[in-house]
N, C-alpha and C. Protein backbone atom coordinates (compact mmCIF):
# COMPACT_ATOMS: atom_id res chain seq x y z
N UNK A 1 8.31 9.79 19.09
CA UNK A 1 8.34 8.78 18.05
C UNK A 1 7.10 8.94 17.16
N UNK A 2 7.32 9.13 15.86
CA UNK A 2 6.22 9.34 14.92
C UNK A 2 5.85 8.02 14.25
N UNK A 3 4.55 7.72 14.26
CA UNK A 3 4.08 6.43 13.75
C UNK A 3 3.02 6.62 12.67
N UNK A 4 3.17 5.87 11.58
CA UNK A 4 2.15 5.80 10.54
C UNK A 4 1.43 4.47 10.73
N UNK A 5 0.11 4.51 10.91
CA UNK A 5 -0.69 3.29 11.09
C UNK A 5 -1.35 2.92 9.76
N UNK A 6 -1.12 1.68 9.32
CA UNK A 6 -1.67 1.19 8.05
C UNK A 6 -2.54 -0.03 8.34
N UNK A 7 -3.85 0.11 8.13
CA UNK A 7 -4.81 -0.96 8.47
C UNK A 7 -6.07 -0.73 7.66
N UNK A 8 -6.55 -1.77 6.96
CA UNK A 8 -7.71 -1.57 6.07
C UNK A 8 -9.04 -1.53 6.82
N UNK A 9 -9.12 -2.07 8.01
CA UNK A 9 -10.38 -2.03 8.77
C UNK A 9 -10.42 -0.77 9.63
N UNK A 10 -11.36 0.11 9.31
CA UNK A 10 -11.42 1.43 9.96
C UNK A 10 -11.53 1.34 11.48
N UNK A 11 -12.34 0.42 11.96
CA UNK A 11 -12.54 0.29 13.41
C UNK A 11 -11.23 -0.06 14.11
N UNK A 12 -10.52 -1.03 13.56
CA UNK A 12 -9.24 -1.46 14.13
C UNK A 12 -8.21 -0.33 14.02
N UNK A 13 -8.17 0.30 12.85
CA UNK A 13 -7.22 1.40 12.61
C UNK A 13 -7.42 2.53 13.62
N UNK A 14 -8.67 2.91 13.81
CA UNK A 14 -8.98 4.00 14.75
C UNK A 14 -8.66 3.61 16.19
N UNK A 15 -8.94 2.35 16.54
CA UNK A 15 -8.68 1.89 17.91
C UNK A 15 -7.19 1.87 18.21
N UNK A 16 -6.40 1.37 17.27
CA UNK A 16 -4.94 1.32 17.46
C UNK A 16 -4.38 2.73 17.56
N UNK A 17 -4.84 3.61 16.68
CA UNK A 17 -4.35 4.99 16.69
C UNK A 17 -4.70 5.69 18.00
N UNK A 18 -5.93 5.47 18.49
CA UNK A 18 -6.36 6.08 19.75
C UNK A 18 -5.52 5.56 20.91
N UNK A 19 -5.27 4.26 20.91
CA UNK A 19 -4.47 3.63 21.96
C UNK A 19 -3.06 4.21 21.99
N UNK A 20 -2.44 4.29 20.83
CA UNK A 20 -1.06 4.79 20.76
C UNK A 20 -0.97 6.27 21.12
N UNK A 21 -2.01 7.03 20.78
CA UNK A 21 -2.01 8.47 21.08
C UNK A 21 -2.05 8.75 22.57
N UNK A 22 -2.50 7.78 23.36
CA UNK A 22 -2.55 7.95 24.82
C UNK A 22 -1.17 7.85 25.46
N UNK A 23 -0.23 7.26 24.72
CA UNK A 23 1.10 7.02 25.28
C UNK A 23 2.00 8.25 25.13
N UNK A 24 2.65 8.61 26.21
CA UNK A 24 3.61 9.71 26.17
C UNK A 24 4.78 9.32 25.26
N UNK A 25 5.14 10.21 24.36
CA UNK A 25 6.28 9.94 23.48
C UNK A 25 5.91 9.29 22.17
N UNK A 26 4.65 8.87 22.02
CA UNK A 26 4.19 8.28 20.76
C UNK A 26 3.23 9.24 20.07
N UNK A 27 3.43 9.46 18.79
CA UNK A 27 2.54 10.33 18.03
C UNK A 27 2.14 9.64 16.73
N UNK A 28 0.84 9.44 16.55
CA UNK A 28 0.34 8.88 15.29
C UNK A 28 0.22 10.04 14.31
N UNK A 29 1.12 10.09 13.34
CA UNK A 29 1.15 11.23 12.41
C UNK A 29 0.13 11.07 11.28
N UNK A 30 -0.27 9.83 11.01
CA UNK A 30 -1.30 9.59 9.99
C UNK A 30 -1.78 8.15 10.12
N UNK A 31 -3.00 7.92 9.62
CA UNK A 31 -3.51 6.56 9.52
C UNK A 31 -4.12 6.40 8.13
N UNK A 32 -3.72 5.33 7.45
CA UNK A 32 -4.19 5.08 6.09
C UNK A 32 -4.69 3.64 5.99
N UNK A 33 -5.42 3.35 4.89
CA UNK A 33 -6.08 2.04 4.83
C UNK A 33 -5.39 0.98 3.98
N UNK A 34 -4.33 1.35 3.27
CA UNK A 34 -3.61 0.31 2.54
C UNK A 34 -2.18 0.74 2.22
N UNK A 35 -1.42 -0.19 1.66
CA UNK A 35 -0.02 0.05 1.37
C UNK A 35 0.23 1.15 0.36
N UNK A 36 -0.66 1.27 -0.63
CA UNK A 36 -0.48 2.31 -1.64
C UNK A 36 -0.60 3.70 -1.03
N UNK A 37 -1.57 3.87 -0.12
CA UNK A 37 -1.73 5.16 0.56
C UNK A 37 -0.52 5.43 1.46
N UNK A 38 0.02 4.37 2.04
CA UNK A 38 1.21 4.53 2.89
C UNK A 38 2.39 5.02 2.06
N UNK A 39 2.57 4.45 0.86
CA UNK A 39 3.66 4.87 -0.03
C UNK A 39 3.50 6.34 -0.41
N UNK A 40 2.25 6.75 -0.69
CA UNK A 40 1.99 8.16 -1.01
C UNK A 40 2.39 9.06 0.15
N UNK A 41 2.02 8.65 1.36
CA UNK A 41 2.35 9.45 2.56
C UNK A 41 3.86 9.54 2.74
N UNK A 42 4.54 8.42 2.54
CA UNK A 42 6.00 8.37 2.75
C UNK A 42 6.78 9.19 1.71
N UNK A 43 6.14 9.49 0.60
CA UNK A 43 6.82 10.28 -0.43
C UNK A 43 7.17 11.68 0.07
N UNK A 44 6.39 12.19 1.04
CA UNK A 44 6.65 13.54 1.53
C UNK A 44 6.71 13.63 3.06
N UNK A 45 6.72 12.49 3.73
CA UNK A 45 6.78 12.46 5.20
C UNK A 45 7.75 11.37 5.66
N UNK A 46 8.31 11.55 6.84
CA UNK A 46 9.26 10.56 7.37
C UNK A 46 8.92 10.16 8.80
N UNK A 47 7.96 9.24 8.96
CA UNK A 47 7.70 8.74 10.32
C UNK A 47 8.87 7.87 10.77
N UNK A 48 8.95 7.62 12.06
CA UNK A 48 10.00 6.72 12.57
C UNK A 48 9.64 5.27 12.31
N UNK A 49 8.33 4.98 12.45
CA UNK A 49 7.86 3.59 12.33
C UNK A 49 6.59 3.53 11.49
N UNK A 50 6.51 2.52 10.63
CA UNK A 50 5.27 2.18 9.94
C UNK A 50 4.72 0.94 10.63
N UNK A 51 3.55 1.08 11.24
CA UNK A 51 2.87 -0.05 11.89
C UNK A 51 1.78 -0.51 10.95
N UNK A 52 1.94 -1.70 10.38
CA UNK A 52 1.03 -2.12 9.31
C UNK A 52 0.41 -3.50 9.53
N UNK A 53 -0.81 -3.62 9.05
CA UNK A 53 -1.48 -4.92 8.97
C UNK A 53 -0.78 -5.70 7.85
N UNK A 54 -1.05 -6.99 7.77
CA UNK A 54 -0.39 -7.79 6.74
C UNK A 54 -1.30 -8.06 5.55
N UNK A 55 -2.58 -8.35 5.81
CA UNK A 55 -3.53 -8.66 4.75
C UNK A 55 -4.36 -7.42 4.44
N UNK A 56 -4.06 -6.77 3.31
CA UNK A 56 -4.80 -5.58 2.90
C UNK A 56 -4.98 -5.60 1.39
N UNK A 57 -6.02 -4.92 0.89
CA UNK A 57 -6.18 -4.83 -0.57
C UNK A 57 -5.11 -3.94 -1.18
N UNK A 58 -4.92 -4.05 -2.47
CA UNK A 58 -3.99 -3.22 -3.27
C UNK A 58 -2.52 -3.52 -3.03
N UNK A 59 -2.09 -3.53 -1.77
CA UNK A 59 -0.69 -3.82 -1.46
C UNK A 59 -0.63 -4.42 -0.06
N UNK A 60 -0.09 -5.62 0.07
CA UNK A 60 -0.03 -6.26 1.39
C UNK A 60 1.02 -5.59 2.27
N UNK A 61 0.97 -5.91 3.55
CA UNK A 61 1.96 -5.39 4.49
C UNK A 61 3.37 -5.82 4.14
N UNK A 62 3.50 -7.05 3.62
CA UNK A 62 4.83 -7.54 3.22
C UNK A 62 5.36 -6.79 2.01
N UNK A 63 4.48 -6.53 1.05
CA UNK A 63 4.89 -5.76 -0.13
C UNK A 63 5.27 -4.33 0.27
N UNK A 64 4.50 -3.78 1.20
CA UNK A 64 4.81 -2.44 1.72
C UNK A 64 6.17 -2.43 2.40
N UNK A 65 6.44 -3.46 3.20
CA UNK A 65 7.72 -3.55 3.91
C UNK A 65 8.89 -3.57 2.93
N UNK A 66 8.75 -4.33 1.83
CA UNK A 66 9.81 -4.38 0.82
C UNK A 66 10.03 -3.01 0.19
N UNK A 67 8.93 -2.33 -0.10
CA UNK A 67 9.00 -1.00 -0.71
C UNK A 67 9.67 0.00 0.24
N UNK A 68 9.31 -0.07 1.51
CA UNK A 68 9.89 0.84 2.51
C UNK A 68 11.39 0.57 2.64
N UNK A 69 11.76 -0.71 2.68
CA UNK A 69 13.18 -1.06 2.81
C UNK A 69 14.00 -0.49 1.65
N UNK A 70 13.44 -0.57 0.45
CA UNK A 70 14.16 -0.10 -0.74
C UNK A 70 14.22 1.42 -0.84
N UNK A 71 13.10 2.09 -0.53
CA UNK A 71 13.02 3.54 -0.79
C UNK A 71 13.15 4.42 0.45
N UNK A 72 12.89 3.86 1.61
CA UNK A 72 12.95 4.65 2.86
C UNK A 72 13.64 3.81 3.94
N UNK A 73 14.91 3.47 3.75
CA UNK A 73 15.59 2.53 4.65
C UNK A 73 15.68 2.97 6.11
N UNK A 74 15.53 4.26 6.38
CA UNK A 74 15.60 4.72 7.78
C UNK A 74 14.29 4.50 8.53
N UNK A 75 13.21 4.27 7.78
CA UNK A 75 11.90 4.03 8.41
C UNK A 75 11.80 2.56 8.79
N UNK A 76 11.43 2.30 10.04
CA UNK A 76 11.31 0.92 10.52
C UNK A 76 9.88 0.42 10.31
N UNK A 77 9.74 -0.86 9.99
CA UNK A 77 8.42 -1.45 9.77
C UNK A 77 8.12 -2.48 10.84
N UNK A 78 6.93 -2.35 11.43
CA UNK A 78 6.42 -3.35 12.37
C UNK A 78 5.11 -3.89 11.79
N UNK A 79 5.03 -5.21 11.66
CA UNK A 79 3.83 -5.84 11.11
C UNK A 79 3.01 -6.45 12.24
N UNK A 80 1.70 -6.21 12.17
CA UNK A 80 0.79 -6.86 13.13
C UNK A 80 -0.20 -7.70 12.32
N UNK A 81 -0.52 -8.85 12.87
CA UNK A 81 -1.38 -9.77 12.13
C UNK A 81 -2.21 -10.64 13.06
N UNK A 82 -3.31 -11.15 12.53
CA UNK A 82 -4.09 -12.13 13.28
C UNK A 82 -3.72 -13.53 12.81
N UNK A 83 -2.91 -13.61 11.77
CA UNK A 83 -2.55 -14.91 11.21
C UNK A 83 -1.23 -15.40 11.77
N UNK A 84 -1.29 -16.43 12.58
CA UNK A 84 -0.03 -16.97 13.10
C UNK A 84 0.50 -17.98 12.09
N UNK A 85 0.92 -17.48 10.95
CA UNK A 85 1.42 -18.31 9.85
C UNK A 85 2.92 -18.10 9.71
N UNK A 86 3.64 -19.18 9.70
CA UNK A 86 5.10 -19.09 9.67
C UNK A 86 5.63 -18.48 8.38
N UNK A 87 4.94 -18.71 7.27
CA UNK A 87 5.42 -18.18 6.00
C UNK A 87 5.54 -16.67 6.02
N UNK A 88 4.61 -16.04 6.69
CA UNK A 88 4.64 -14.58 6.77
C UNK A 88 5.89 -14.09 7.48
N UNK A 89 6.22 -14.72 8.57
CA UNK A 89 7.34 -14.21 9.37
C UNK A 89 8.66 -14.38 8.62
N UNK A 90 8.82 -15.48 7.89
CA UNK A 90 10.05 -15.67 7.11
C UNK A 90 10.19 -14.57 6.06
N UNK A 91 9.10 -14.29 5.37
CA UNK A 91 9.15 -13.25 4.34
C UNK A 91 9.31 -11.87 4.96
N UNK A 92 8.74 -11.67 6.14
CA UNK A 92 8.89 -10.39 6.83
C UNK A 92 10.34 -10.15 7.20
N UNK A 93 11.00 -11.18 7.70
CA UNK A 93 12.41 -11.03 8.09
C UNK A 93 13.28 -10.76 6.86
N UNK A 94 12.91 -11.36 5.73
CA UNK A 94 13.66 -11.12 4.49
C UNK A 94 13.51 -9.67 4.03
N UNK A 95 12.41 -9.04 4.43
CA UNK A 95 12.17 -7.63 4.07
C UNK A 95 12.67 -6.69 5.15
N UNK A 96 13.47 -7.20 6.07
CA UNK A 96 14.05 -6.41 7.15
C UNK A 96 13.00 -5.75 8.04
N UNK A 97 11.89 -6.45 8.26
CA UNK A 97 10.88 -5.97 9.19
C UNK A 97 11.46 -6.02 10.60
N UNK A 98 11.24 -4.98 11.39
CA UNK A 98 11.83 -4.89 12.73
C UNK A 98 10.95 -5.49 13.82
N UNK A 99 9.66 -5.64 13.53
CA UNK A 99 8.76 -6.22 14.52
C UNK A 99 7.65 -6.99 13.85
N UNK A 100 7.24 -8.08 14.48
CA UNK A 100 6.18 -8.92 13.94
C UNK A 100 5.37 -9.43 15.11
N UNK A 101 4.18 -8.87 15.29
CA UNK A 101 3.39 -9.18 16.49
C UNK A 101 1.95 -9.52 16.14
N UNK A 102 1.33 -10.26 17.02
CA UNK A 102 -0.07 -10.64 16.84
C UNK A 102 -0.99 -9.53 17.34
N UNK A 103 -2.08 -9.30 16.61
CA UNK A 103 -3.05 -8.28 17.03
C UNK A 103 -3.68 -8.65 18.37
N UNK A 104 -3.71 -9.93 18.66
CA UNK A 104 -4.32 -10.38 19.92
C UNK A 104 -3.46 -10.05 21.14
N UNK A 105 -2.24 -9.60 20.91
CA UNK A 105 -1.33 -9.29 22.02
C UNK A 105 -1.90 -8.14 22.85
N UNK A 106 -1.59 -8.10 24.16
CA UNK A 106 -2.06 -7.00 25.01
C UNK A 106 -1.52 -5.66 24.52
N UNK A 107 -2.26 -4.59 24.79
CA UNK A 107 -1.87 -3.26 24.29
C UNK A 107 -0.51 -2.82 24.80
N UNK A 108 -0.17 -3.18 26.04
CA UNK A 108 1.14 -2.76 26.56
C UNK A 108 2.28 -3.49 25.83
N UNK A 109 1.99 -4.69 25.32
CA UNK A 109 2.99 -5.42 24.54
C UNK A 109 3.29 -4.66 23.24
N UNK A 110 2.23 -4.18 22.59
CA UNK A 110 2.39 -3.41 21.36
C UNK A 110 3.21 -2.14 21.61
N UNK A 111 2.85 -1.42 22.66
CA UNK A 111 3.56 -0.17 23.00
C UNK A 111 5.03 -0.44 23.28
N UNK A 112 5.30 -1.47 24.09
CA UNK A 112 6.69 -1.82 24.41
C UNK A 112 7.46 -2.27 23.17
N UNK A 113 6.77 -3.00 22.30
CA UNK A 113 7.41 -3.46 21.06
C UNK A 113 7.84 -2.27 20.21
N UNK A 114 6.97 -1.28 20.09
CA UNK A 114 7.30 -0.09 19.29
C UNK A 114 8.48 0.66 19.90
N UNK A 115 8.50 0.75 21.22
CA UNK A 115 9.61 1.44 21.90
C UNK A 115 10.93 0.70 21.67
N UNK A 116 10.88 -0.63 21.72
CA UNK A 116 12.10 -1.42 21.49
C UNK A 116 12.59 -1.26 20.06
N UNK A 117 11.66 -1.28 19.11
CA UNK A 117 12.02 -1.12 17.70
C UNK A 117 12.65 0.26 17.48
N UNK A 118 12.10 1.28 18.13
CA UNK A 118 12.65 2.64 18.00
C UNK A 118 14.09 2.69 18.49
N UNK A 119 14.42 1.82 19.45
CA UNK A 119 15.78 1.77 20.00
C UNK A 119 16.72 0.88 19.18
N UNK A 120 16.18 0.32 18.09
CA UNK A 120 17.03 -0.49 17.22
C UNK A 120 16.94 -1.98 17.43
N UNK A 121 16.03 -2.42 18.31
CA UNK A 121 15.88 -3.85 18.56
C UNK A 121 14.84 -4.45 17.61
N UNK A 122 14.87 -5.78 17.47
CA UNK A 122 13.83 -6.49 16.74
C UNK A 122 12.90 -7.15 17.74
N UNK A 123 11.61 -7.16 17.42
CA UNK A 123 10.63 -7.78 18.30
C UNK A 123 9.78 -8.76 17.48
N UNK A 124 9.84 -10.03 17.86
CA UNK A 124 9.05 -11.05 17.18
C UNK A 124 8.25 -11.82 18.21
N UNK A 125 6.95 -11.92 17.96
CA UNK A 125 6.09 -12.68 18.87
C UNK A 125 6.63 -14.10 18.99
N UNK A 126 6.80 -14.60 20.23
CA UNK A 126 7.40 -15.93 20.43
C UNK A 126 6.68 -17.06 19.69
N UNK A 127 5.34 -17.00 19.66
CA UNK A 127 4.56 -18.05 18.98
C UNK A 127 4.88 -18.07 17.49
N UNK A 128 4.98 -16.88 16.91
CA UNK A 128 5.31 -16.78 15.49
C UNK A 128 6.73 -17.25 15.22
N UNK A 129 7.63 -16.92 16.11
CA UNK A 129 9.03 -17.32 15.94
C UNK A 129 9.16 -18.84 15.94
N UNK A 130 8.44 -19.50 16.84
CA UNK A 130 8.49 -20.97 16.90
C UNK A 130 7.93 -21.59 15.62
N UNK A 131 6.81 -21.04 15.14
CA UNK A 131 6.22 -21.56 13.90
C UNK A 131 7.16 -21.40 12.72
N UNK A 132 7.89 -20.31 12.69
CA UNK A 132 8.78 -20.03 11.56
C UNK A 132 9.89 -21.06 11.45
N UNK A 133 10.28 -21.64 12.58
CA UNK A 133 11.35 -22.63 12.57
C UNK A 133 10.91 -23.96 11.98
N UNK A 134 9.58 -24.17 11.95
CA UNK A 134 9.06 -25.48 11.58
C UNK A 134 8.64 -25.63 10.11
N UNK A 135 8.60 -24.54 9.36
CA UNK A 135 7.99 -24.62 8.04
C UNK A 135 8.78 -23.84 7.00
N UNK A 136 9.13 -24.49 5.90
CA UNK A 136 9.86 -23.81 4.83
C UNK A 136 8.97 -23.55 3.63
N UNK A 137 9.00 -22.34 3.11
CA UNK A 137 8.23 -21.96 1.94
C UNK A 137 8.98 -22.41 0.68
N UNK A 138 8.40 -23.35 -0.09
CA UNK A 138 9.10 -23.85 -1.28
C UNK A 138 8.91 -22.99 -2.53
N UNK A 139 8.01 -22.01 -2.47
CA UNK A 139 7.64 -21.25 -3.67
C UNK A 139 8.64 -20.14 -4.00
N UNK A 140 8.85 -19.94 -5.29
CA UNK A 140 9.65 -18.79 -5.72
C UNK A 140 8.73 -17.57 -5.71
N UNK A 141 9.31 -16.39 -5.79
CA UNK A 141 8.52 -15.16 -5.76
C UNK A 141 7.54 -15.12 -6.94
N UNK A 142 7.99 -15.55 -8.11
CA UNK A 142 7.14 -15.51 -9.31
C UNK A 142 6.02 -16.54 -9.22
N UNK A 143 6.33 -17.71 -8.68
CA UNK A 143 5.28 -18.73 -8.49
C UNK A 143 4.23 -18.20 -7.52
N UNK A 144 4.69 -17.53 -6.47
CA UNK A 144 3.79 -16.98 -5.46
C UNK A 144 2.84 -15.94 -6.06
N UNK A 145 3.39 -15.06 -6.89
CA UNK A 145 2.56 -14.01 -7.51
C UNK A 145 1.52 -14.62 -8.44
N UNK A 146 1.94 -15.58 -9.26
CA UNK A 146 1.02 -16.23 -10.19
C UNK A 146 -0.06 -16.99 -9.43
N UNK A 147 0.34 -17.67 -8.37
CA UNK A 147 -0.60 -18.46 -7.57
C UNK A 147 -1.61 -17.57 -6.85
N UNK A 148 -1.15 -16.42 -6.36
CA UNK A 148 -2.06 -15.50 -5.67
C UNK A 148 -3.16 -15.04 -6.62
N UNK A 149 -2.78 -14.70 -7.85
CA UNK A 149 -3.76 -14.24 -8.83
C UNK A 149 -4.69 -15.38 -9.25
N UNK A 150 -4.13 -16.59 -9.38
CA UNK A 150 -4.96 -17.75 -9.72
C UNK A 150 -5.98 -18.00 -8.61
N UNK A 151 -5.54 -17.85 -7.37
CA UNK A 151 -6.43 -18.03 -6.22
C UNK A 151 -7.55 -17.01 -6.18
N UNK A 152 -7.32 -15.86 -6.81
CA UNK A 152 -8.35 -14.81 -6.88
C UNK A 152 -9.31 -15.05 -8.04
N UNK A 153 -9.07 -16.15 -8.79
CA UNK A 153 -9.99 -16.52 -9.87
C UNK A 153 -9.58 -16.06 -11.26
N UNK A 154 -8.39 -15.47 -11.39
CA UNK A 154 -7.95 -15.01 -12.70
C UNK A 154 -7.55 -16.18 -13.59
N UNK A 155 -7.84 -16.05 -14.88
CA UNK A 155 -7.45 -17.06 -15.87
C UNK A 155 -5.99 -16.86 -16.25
N UNK A 156 -5.41 -17.88 -16.89
CA UNK A 156 -3.99 -17.83 -17.28
C UNK A 156 -3.67 -16.57 -18.08
N UNK A 157 -4.53 -16.23 -19.05
CA UNK A 157 -4.29 -15.05 -19.90
C UNK A 157 -4.25 -13.78 -19.05
N UNK A 158 -5.18 -13.66 -18.10
CA UNK A 158 -5.24 -12.47 -17.24
C UNK A 158 -4.01 -12.38 -16.34
N UNK A 159 -3.59 -13.53 -15.82
CA UNK A 159 -2.39 -13.57 -14.96
C UNK A 159 -1.17 -13.14 -15.78
N UNK A 160 -1.06 -13.66 -17.01
CA UNK A 160 0.07 -13.33 -17.88
C UNK A 160 0.12 -11.82 -18.15
N UNK A 161 -1.05 -11.24 -18.43
CA UNK A 161 -1.10 -9.79 -18.69
C UNK A 161 -0.72 -9.00 -17.45
N UNK A 162 -1.22 -9.44 -16.31
CA UNK A 162 -0.96 -8.74 -15.05
C UNK A 162 0.51 -8.76 -14.67
N UNK A 163 1.18 -9.88 -14.94
CA UNK A 163 2.59 -10.04 -14.55
C UNK A 163 3.57 -9.78 -15.70
N UNK A 164 3.02 -9.38 -16.88
CA UNK A 164 3.85 -9.12 -18.06
C UNK A 164 4.69 -10.34 -18.44
N UNK A 165 4.02 -11.49 -18.45
CA UNK A 165 4.68 -12.75 -18.81
C UNK A 165 3.88 -13.42 -19.93
N UNK A 166 4.48 -14.42 -20.56
CA UNK A 166 3.74 -15.19 -21.57
C UNK A 166 2.84 -16.18 -20.84
N UNK A 167 1.79 -16.63 -21.55
CA UNK A 167 0.87 -17.60 -20.94
C UNK A 167 1.60 -18.90 -20.62
N UNK A 168 2.53 -19.30 -21.50
CA UNK A 168 3.29 -20.52 -21.26
C UNK A 168 4.12 -20.45 -19.99
N UNK A 169 4.73 -19.29 -19.75
CA UNK A 169 5.53 -19.09 -18.53
C UNK A 169 4.65 -19.17 -17.30
N UNK A 170 3.48 -18.55 -17.38
CA UNK A 170 2.54 -18.59 -16.24
C UNK A 170 2.11 -20.02 -15.96
N UNK A 171 1.80 -20.78 -17.04
CA UNK A 171 1.40 -22.19 -16.85
C UNK A 171 2.53 -22.98 -16.17
N UNK A 172 3.77 -22.70 -16.57
CA UNK A 172 4.91 -23.38 -15.95
C UNK A 172 5.02 -23.05 -14.46
N UNK A 173 4.89 -21.76 -14.13
CA UNK A 173 4.97 -21.34 -12.72
C UNK A 173 3.87 -22.03 -11.89
N UNK A 174 2.66 -22.06 -12.46
CA UNK A 174 1.54 -22.66 -11.72
C UNK A 174 1.73 -24.17 -11.58
N UNK A 175 2.21 -24.82 -12.64
CA UNK A 175 2.46 -26.27 -12.58
C UNK A 175 3.52 -26.59 -11.53
N UNK A 176 4.58 -25.78 -11.51
CA UNK A 176 5.65 -25.99 -10.52
C UNK A 176 5.11 -25.81 -9.10
N UNK A 177 4.28 -24.78 -8.92
CA UNK A 177 3.71 -24.51 -7.59
C UNK A 177 2.80 -25.65 -7.15
N UNK A 178 1.98 -26.14 -8.07
CA UNK A 178 1.07 -27.26 -7.77
C UNK A 178 1.87 -28.49 -7.35
N UNK A 179 2.95 -28.77 -8.08
CA UNK A 179 3.79 -29.93 -7.77
C UNK A 179 4.47 -29.77 -6.41
N UNK A 180 5.03 -28.60 -6.16
CA UNK A 180 5.74 -28.37 -4.89
C UNK A 180 4.82 -28.50 -3.68
N UNK A 181 3.54 -28.14 -3.86
CA UNK A 181 2.61 -28.17 -2.73
C UNK A 181 1.78 -29.45 -2.69
N UNK A 182 2.07 -30.38 -3.61
CA UNK A 182 1.29 -31.63 -3.70
C UNK A 182 -0.20 -31.34 -3.80
N UNK A 183 -0.54 -30.32 -4.57
CA UNK A 183 -1.93 -29.91 -4.71
C UNK A 183 -2.56 -30.59 -5.92
N UNK A 184 -3.89 -30.57 -5.98
CA UNK A 184 -4.60 -31.21 -7.10
C UNK A 184 -4.77 -30.26 -8.28
N UNK A 185 -4.83 -28.96 -8.00
CA UNK A 185 -4.97 -27.95 -9.06
C UNK A 185 -4.52 -26.59 -8.53
N UNK A 186 -4.62 -25.57 -9.36
CA UNK A 186 -4.13 -24.25 -8.96
C UNK A 186 -4.91 -23.64 -7.79
N UNK A 187 -6.22 -23.89 -7.75
CA UNK A 187 -7.03 -23.35 -6.65
C UNK A 187 -6.65 -24.03 -5.34
N UNK A 188 -6.46 -25.34 -5.41
CA UNK A 188 -6.04 -26.10 -4.22
C UNK A 188 -4.66 -25.63 -3.76
N UNK A 189 -3.76 -25.39 -4.71
CA UNK A 189 -2.41 -24.91 -4.38
C UNK A 189 -2.47 -23.55 -3.70
N UNK A 190 -3.33 -22.67 -4.22
CA UNK A 190 -3.47 -21.33 -3.63
C UNK A 190 -4.01 -21.43 -2.21
N UNK A 191 -4.97 -22.35 -2.01
CA UNK A 191 -5.55 -22.54 -0.67
C UNK A 191 -4.49 -23.03 0.31
N UNK A 192 -3.70 -24.01 -0.10
CA UNK A 192 -2.64 -24.56 0.76
C UNK A 192 -1.63 -23.47 1.11
N UNK A 193 -1.19 -22.75 0.09
CA UNK A 193 -0.18 -21.70 0.30
C UNK A 193 -0.71 -20.60 1.21
N UNK A 194 -1.99 -20.26 1.05
CA UNK A 194 -2.58 -19.20 1.90
C UNK A 194 -2.65 -19.67 3.35
N UNK A 195 -3.04 -20.93 3.55
CA UNK A 195 -3.11 -21.48 4.91
C UNK A 195 -1.74 -21.45 5.59
N UNK A 196 -0.71 -21.68 4.81
CA UNK A 196 0.65 -21.71 5.36
C UNK A 196 1.22 -20.30 5.56
N UNK A 197 0.54 -19.31 4.98
CA UNK A 197 1.05 -17.94 5.08
C UNK A 197 2.09 -17.62 4.03
N UNK A 198 2.08 -18.35 2.92
CA UNK A 198 3.08 -18.15 1.88
C UNK A 198 2.61 -17.22 0.78
N UNK A 199 1.33 -16.86 0.77
CA UNK A 199 0.82 -15.95 -0.27
C UNK A 199 0.69 -14.55 0.28
């Protein structure tokens, strides 16, 4: 089983790769630090599984999962995270992610999860599965993108340029997001959404 490891923290990336390399039948074919590098690797390579972190610069694990589903449907994606946020798991399932596990899980759990995914099964950490049942993400995809950029400190004009939208449209998306989250302003809305795992 060939695995691509995607993790922005070098220490964690190296530790996971070393751990997996000890297992018979598992081969880490590459390790990269973000989703964009993973996409580059996938352009000319076909691992069986992409094991990815969720929070990374340039391209999140969820965005990577969507890209893999669209362009490399035979490659399975397993997401690992330290954030037990229900919003993430709902979006992961929508992107046809095959596994969703906590980094805090024991190493044998990770290995077994990868083996199950290789056999065509889905593996979801029970704690995350329970959380997912309790919380619904009210944001649209466009509201989420605008809110994420607002949370990073970008002004309306910068968000509009980044998303190829008019400033008025961006203001509408942000206003809708603020109302849906009962927030006081865009920064507060971004904070709430991030805590819930919706960004």
